[in-house]
Amino acid sequence: MRLMHAPNPVIGQHWVNVLAAAGIPCELHNRYLNGAMGEIPADQCAPELWLVDERDEALARRLIEAALKGPPAGAATWRCHACGETLEAQFTQCWQCGATRDPREE
């Protein structure tokens, strides 16, 4: 099921990562069609976020909306469970070791 168009492939991949971290399987389609723009209509070249299971739609939309807003002002830092590095609230992955933030820490 197509959930939405992404403004560009980078943001589309970010949304895929956000949903994957929440256990929602999805795919990013049309990520390489920008080069075909002109030969193919522009509205058909935009990256599209597709859900594997349409039952995930409501949760996926809420997660993407939250990702667009970012963390609230003054959000607390978090400590990586793998290496102990302290990271700012907007990061969901540790820059030091690559471990993903535990959703229970949010």
Protein backbone atom coordinates (compact mmCIF):
# COMPACT_ATOMS: atom_id res chain seq x y z
CA MET A 1 0.00 0.00 0.00
CA ARG A 2 1.42 3.40 -0.97
CA LEU A 3 1.55 5.58 2.13
CA MET A 4 2.91 8.86 0.70
CA HIS A 5 5.35 10.61 -1.58
CA ALA A 6 8.64 11.78 -0.12
CA PRO A 7 10.06 15.18 -1.12
CA ASN A 8 13.38 13.54 -2.00
CA PRO A 9 15.18 10.18 -1.64
CA VAL A 10 17.10 11.23 1.49
CA ILE A 11 13.96 12.09 3.45
CA GLY A 12 12.23 9.02 2.04
CA GLN A 13 15.04 6.81 3.36
CA HIS A 14 14.87 8.58 6.73
CA TRP A 15 11.16 7.70 6.92
CA VAL A 16 11.97 4.08 6.03
CA ASN A 17 14.51 4.04 8.89
CA VAL A 18 12.00 5.56 11.34
CA LEU A 19 9.38 2.95 10.47
CA ALA A 20 11.87 0.07 10.45
CA ALA A 21 13.06 1.06 13.95
CA ALA A 22 9.43 0.72 15.07
CA GLY A 23 9.12 -2.71 13.45
CA ILE A 24 6.96 -1.54 10.52
CA PRO A 25 8.09 -3.17 7.26
CA CYS A 26 8.10 -0.76 4.33
CA GLU A 27 9.84 0.01 1.05
CA LEU A 28 10.98 3.13 -0.77
CA HIS A 29 10.02 3.01 -4.45
CA ASN A 30 11.16 5.33 -7.27
CA ARG A 31 14.34 6.32 -5.45
CA TYR A 32 16.32 6.45 -8.71
CA LEU A 33 13.78 8.03 -11.06
CA ASN A 34 14.93 11.66 -10.67
CA GLY A 35 17.20 11.18 -13.68
CA ALA A 36 14.21 10.21 -15.82
CA MET A 37 12.31 13.42 -15.07
CA GLY A 38 11.31 14.97 -18.37
CA GLU A 39 10.96 11.62 -20.05
CA ILE A 40 8.55 10.60 -17.28
CA PRO A 41 6.12 13.11 -15.71
CA ALA A 42 7.57 14.72 -12.56
CA ASP A 43 4.74 13.51 -10.32
CA GLN A 44 5.62 9.91 -11.26
CA CYS A 45 9.30 10.34 -10.40
CA ALA A 46 8.90 11.26 -6.72
CA PRO A 47 10.06 8.66 -4.18
CA GLU A 48 7.13 6.76 -2.67
CA LEU A 49 6.91 5.13 0.73
CA TRP A 50 5.03 1.83 0.60
CA LEU A 51 3.85 -0.26 3.56
CA VAL A 52 4.00 -4.03 3.43
CA ASP A 53 0.90 -4.29 5.64
CA GLU A 54 -1.85 -1.68 5.30
CA ARG A 55 -2.85 -2.30 8.94
CA ASP A 56 0.27 -0.31 9.90
CA GLU A 57 -0.99 2.86 8.19
CA ALA A 58 -2.24 4.82 11.22
CA LEU A 59 0.87 4.13 13.30
CA ALA A 60 3.19 4.83 10.35
CA ARG A 61 1.57 8.21 9.75
CA ARG A 62 1.90 9.14 13.44
CA LEU A 63 5.57 8.14 13.50
CA ILE A 64 6.38 10.13 10.38
CA GLU A 65 4.52 13.15 11.71
CA ALA A 66 6.53 12.92 14.93
CA ALA A 67 9.77 12.56 12.93
CA LEU A 68 8.93 15.71 10.96
CA LYS A 69 8.47 17.68 14.19
CA GLY A 70 11.68 16.41 15.78
CA PRO A 71 12.20 16.19 19.52
CA PRO A 72 10.47 18.75 21.75
CA ALA A 73 12.51 21.72 22.91
CA GLY A 74 14.59 20.79 25.93
CA ALA A 75 14.32 17.03 25.32
CA ALA A 76 16.71 15.02 27.43
CA THR A 77 19.87 13.40 26.10
CA TRP A 78 20.11 9.61 26.05
CA ARG A 79 22.87 7.12 26.79
CA CYS A 80 23.74 4.39 24.28
CA HIS A 81 23.03 0.96 25.76
CA ALA A 82 25.94 -0.56 23.81
CA CYS A 83 28.87 1.80 24.41
CA GLY A 84 27.65 4.34 26.98
CA GLU A 85 28.03 7.39 24.73
CA THR A 86 25.74 10.33 25.58
CA LEU A 87 23.75 11.63 22.59
CA GLU A 88 21.36 14.50 21.97
CA ALA A 89 17.63 13.75 21.75
CA GLN A 90 17.31 14.17 17.97
CA PHE A 91 19.64 11.25 17.25
CA THR A 92 18.20 7.75 16.97
CA GLN A 93 21.50 6.01 16.32
CA CYS A 94 24.76 6.21 18.23
CA TRP A 95 27.48 7.97 16.25
CA GLN A 96 30.16 6.13 18.25
CA CYS A 97 29.16 2.48 17.73
CA GLY A 98 26.11 2.55 15.42
CA ALA A 99 23.67 1.02 17.92
CA THR A 100 20.04 2.04 17.49
CA ARG A 101 18.32 3.92 20.28
CA ASP A 102 16.02 1.74 22.36
CA PRO A 103 12.43 3.00 21.77
CA ARG A 104 11.79 2.68 25.53
CA GLU A 105 14.30 5.51 26.04
CA GLU A 106 12.14 7.97 24.07
